C-alpha atoms as a PDB file:
ATOM      1  CA  MET A   1       0.000   0.000   0.000  1.00  0.00           C
ATOM      2  CA  THR A   2       2.776   2.463   0.862  1.00  0.00           C
ATOM      3  CA  ALA A   3       4.553   1.899  -2.448  1.00  0.00           C
ATOM      4  CA  GLU A   4       1.281   2.420  -4.320  1.00  0.00           C
ATOM      5  CA  ILE A   5       0.630   5.736  -2.559  1.00  0.00           C
ATOM      6  CA  LEU A   6       4.188   6.984  -3.124  1.00  0.00           C
ATOM      7  CA  GLN A   7       4.065   6.044  -6.797  1.00  0.00           C
ATOM      8  CA  ALA A   8       0.676   7.730  -7.160  1.00  0.00           C
ATOM      9  CA  TYR A   9       1.982  10.892  -5.483  1.00  0.00           C
ATOM     10  CA  ALA A  10       4.949  10.997  -7.862  1.00  0.00           C
ATOM     11  CA  ILE A  11       2.646  10.756 -10.879  1.00  0.00           C
ATOM     12  CA  ILE A  12       0.008  13.157  -9.546  1.00  0.00           C
ATOM     13  CA  GLY A  13       2.719  15.670  -8.630  1.00  0.00           C
ATOM     14  CA  ARG A  14       3.774  15.911 -12.276  1.00  0.00           C
ATOM     15  CA  SER A  15       0.570  17.824 -13.010  1.00  0.00           C
ATOM     16  CA  ARG A  16       1.238  20.306 -10.206  1.00  0.00           C
ATOM     17  CA  GLN A  17       0.788  23.987 -10.920  1.00  0.00           C
ATOM     18  CA  TYR A  18       3.190  26.641  -9.651  1.00  0.00           C
ATOM     19  CA  VAL A  19       2.036  30.112  -8.629  1.00  0.00           C
ATOM     20  CA  GLY A  20       3.375  33.542  -7.822  1.00  0.00           C
ATOM     21  CA  MET A  21       6.659  35.213  -8.570  1.00  0.00           C
ATOM     22  CA  MET A  22       8.562  32.592  -6.582  1.00  0.00           C
ATOM     23  CA  GLY A  23       6.913  29.744  -8.464  1.00  0.00           C
ATOM     24  CA  ALA A  24       5.531  28.260  -5.269  1.00  0.00           C
ATOM     25  CA  PRO A  25       4.013  24.799  -5.616  1.00  0.00           C
ATOM     26  CA  ALA A  26       0.222  24.975  -5.525  1.00  0.00           C
ATOM     27  CA  PRO A  27      -1.599  22.311  -3.529  1.00  0.00           C
ATOM     28  CA  ILE A  28      -2.666  19.179  -5.341  1.00  0.00           C
ATOM     29  CA  GLY A  29      -6.442  19.226  -5.701  1.00  0.00           C
ATOM     30  CA  PRO A  30      -9.013  16.455  -5.545  1.00  0.00           C
ATOM     31  CA  ALA A  31      -9.509  16.657  -9.322  1.00  0.00           C
ATOM     32  CA  ALA A  32      -5.877  15.642  -9.931  1.00  0.00           C
ATOM     33  CA  ILE A  33      -6.358  12.645  -7.651  1.00  0.00           C
ATOM     34  CA  GLY A  34      -9.613  11.769  -9.402  1.00  0.00           C
ATOM     35  CA  ASP A  35      -7.894  11.939 -12.793  1.00  0.00           C
ATOM     36  CA  TYR A  36      -5.177   9.611 -11.522  1.00  0.00           C
ATOM     37  CA  LEU A  37      -7.670   7.121 -10.073  1.00  0.00           C
ATOM     38  CA  SER A  38      -9.706   7.070 -13.276  1.00  0.00           C
ATOM     39  CA  ARG A  39      -6.570   5.835 -15.086  1.00  0.00           C
ATOM     40  CA  TYR A  40      -5.115   3.719 -12.286  1.00  0.00           C
ATOM     41  CA  PRO A  41      -7.885   2.283 -10.085  1.00  0.00           C
ATOM     42  CA  SER A  42      -6.932   1.377  -6.520  1.00  0.00           C
ATOM     43  CA  ALA A  43      -8.275  -0.958  -3.869  1.00  0.00           C
ATOM     44  CA  ILE A  44      -7.514   1.735  -1.270  1.00  0.00           C
ATOM     45  CA  SER A  45     -10.599   3.711  -0.241  1.00  0.00           C
ATOM     46  CA  ARG A  46     -10.832   7.170  -1.784  1.00  0.00           C
ATOM     47  CA  GLU A  47     -10.872   8.770   1.661  1.00  0.00           C
ATOM     48  CA  GLU A  48      -7.632   7.042   2.698  1.00  0.00           C
ATOM     49  CA  PHE A  49      -6.054   7.698  -0.681  1.00  0.00           C
ATOM     50  CA  ASP A  50      -6.888  11.421  -0.563  1.00  0.00           C
ATOM     51  CA  SER A  51      -5.652  11.727   3.021  1.00  0.00           C
ATOM     52  CA  ALA A  52      -2.320  10.116   2.196  1.00  0.00           C
ATOM     53  CA  ILE A  53      -1.755  12.201  -0.948  1.00  0.00           C
ATOM     54  CA  PHE A  54      -2.718  15.437   0.819  1.00  0.00           C
ATOM     55  CA  ALA A  55      -0.404  14.630   3.762  1.00  0.00           C
ATOM     56  CA  LEU A  56       2.521  13.965   1.418  1.00  0.00           C
ATOM     57  CA  ASP A  57       1.747  17.147  -0.473  1.00  0.00           C
ATOM     58  CA  ASP A  58       1.522  19.232   2.706  1.00  0.00           C
ATOM     59  CA  ASP A  59       4.907  17.895   3.767  1.00  0.00           C
ATOM     60  CA  PHE A  60       6.440  18.624   0.351  1.00  0.00           C
ATOM     61  CA  ARG A  61       5.095  22.186   0.296  1.00  0.00           C
ATOM     62  CA  LYS A  62       6.243  22.831   3.867  1.00  0.00           C
ATOM     63  CA  SER A  63       9.743  21.577   3.013  1.00  0.00           C
ATOM     64  CA  TRP A  64       9.792  23.753  -0.112  1.00  0.00           C
ATOM     65  CA  GLU A  65       8.838  26.815   1.938  1.00  0.00           C
ATOM     66  CA  GLU A  66      11.487  26.075   4.582  1.00  0.00           C
ATOM     67  CA  GLN A  67      14.112  25.685   1.854  1.00  0.00           C
ATOM     68  CA  GLN A  68      13.150  29.058   0.409  1.00  0.00           C
ATOM     69  CA  GLU A  69      13.635  30.644   3.840  1.00  0.00           C
ATOM     70  CA  ARG A  70      17.067  29.027   4.222  1.00  0.00           C
ATOM     71  CA  ASP A  71      18.091  30.165   0.731  1.00  0.00           C
ATOM     72  CA  LYS A  72      17.123  33.810   1.303  1.00  0.00           C
ATOM     73  CA  PRO A  73      20.132  36.082   1.257  1.00  0.00           C
ATOM     74  CA  LYS A  74      20.985  37.326   4.718  1.00  0.00           C
ATOM     75  CA  THR A  75      20.708  41.086   5.014  1.00  0.00           C
ATOM     76  CA  PRO A  76      23.010  42.733   7.524  1.00  0.00           C
ATOM     77  CA  LYS A  77      21.306  44.510  10.393  1.00  0.00           C
ATOM     78  CA  LYS A  78      21.634  48.278  10.365  1.00  0.00           C
ATOM     79  CA  PRO A  79      23.014  49.826  13.552  1.00  0.00           C
END
C-alpha cells in the first residue's frame, strides 16, 4: 500500500501547478487525484487515498517553503 501511494503521489505531482513570482508549488487538488484514479484504479478507499496524498503534499510544500527561507540572502542589520 505504501509503495502504491508513493508512486501515485509521484505521478500526480507531475501535473502540479506553480504560482506567484517565486513559483511556489500549488496544492494538489481532488480533481488531480480523481484523474489519476480514473486511469489507475486502486483498492484503497478514496478517503484514505486522498488523506495520504494530501499529507505527502503538505509535507512537500512545507519543506519547499522552509528551503526558500534558508536560501534567502541574509541582510546585515543596520546599527
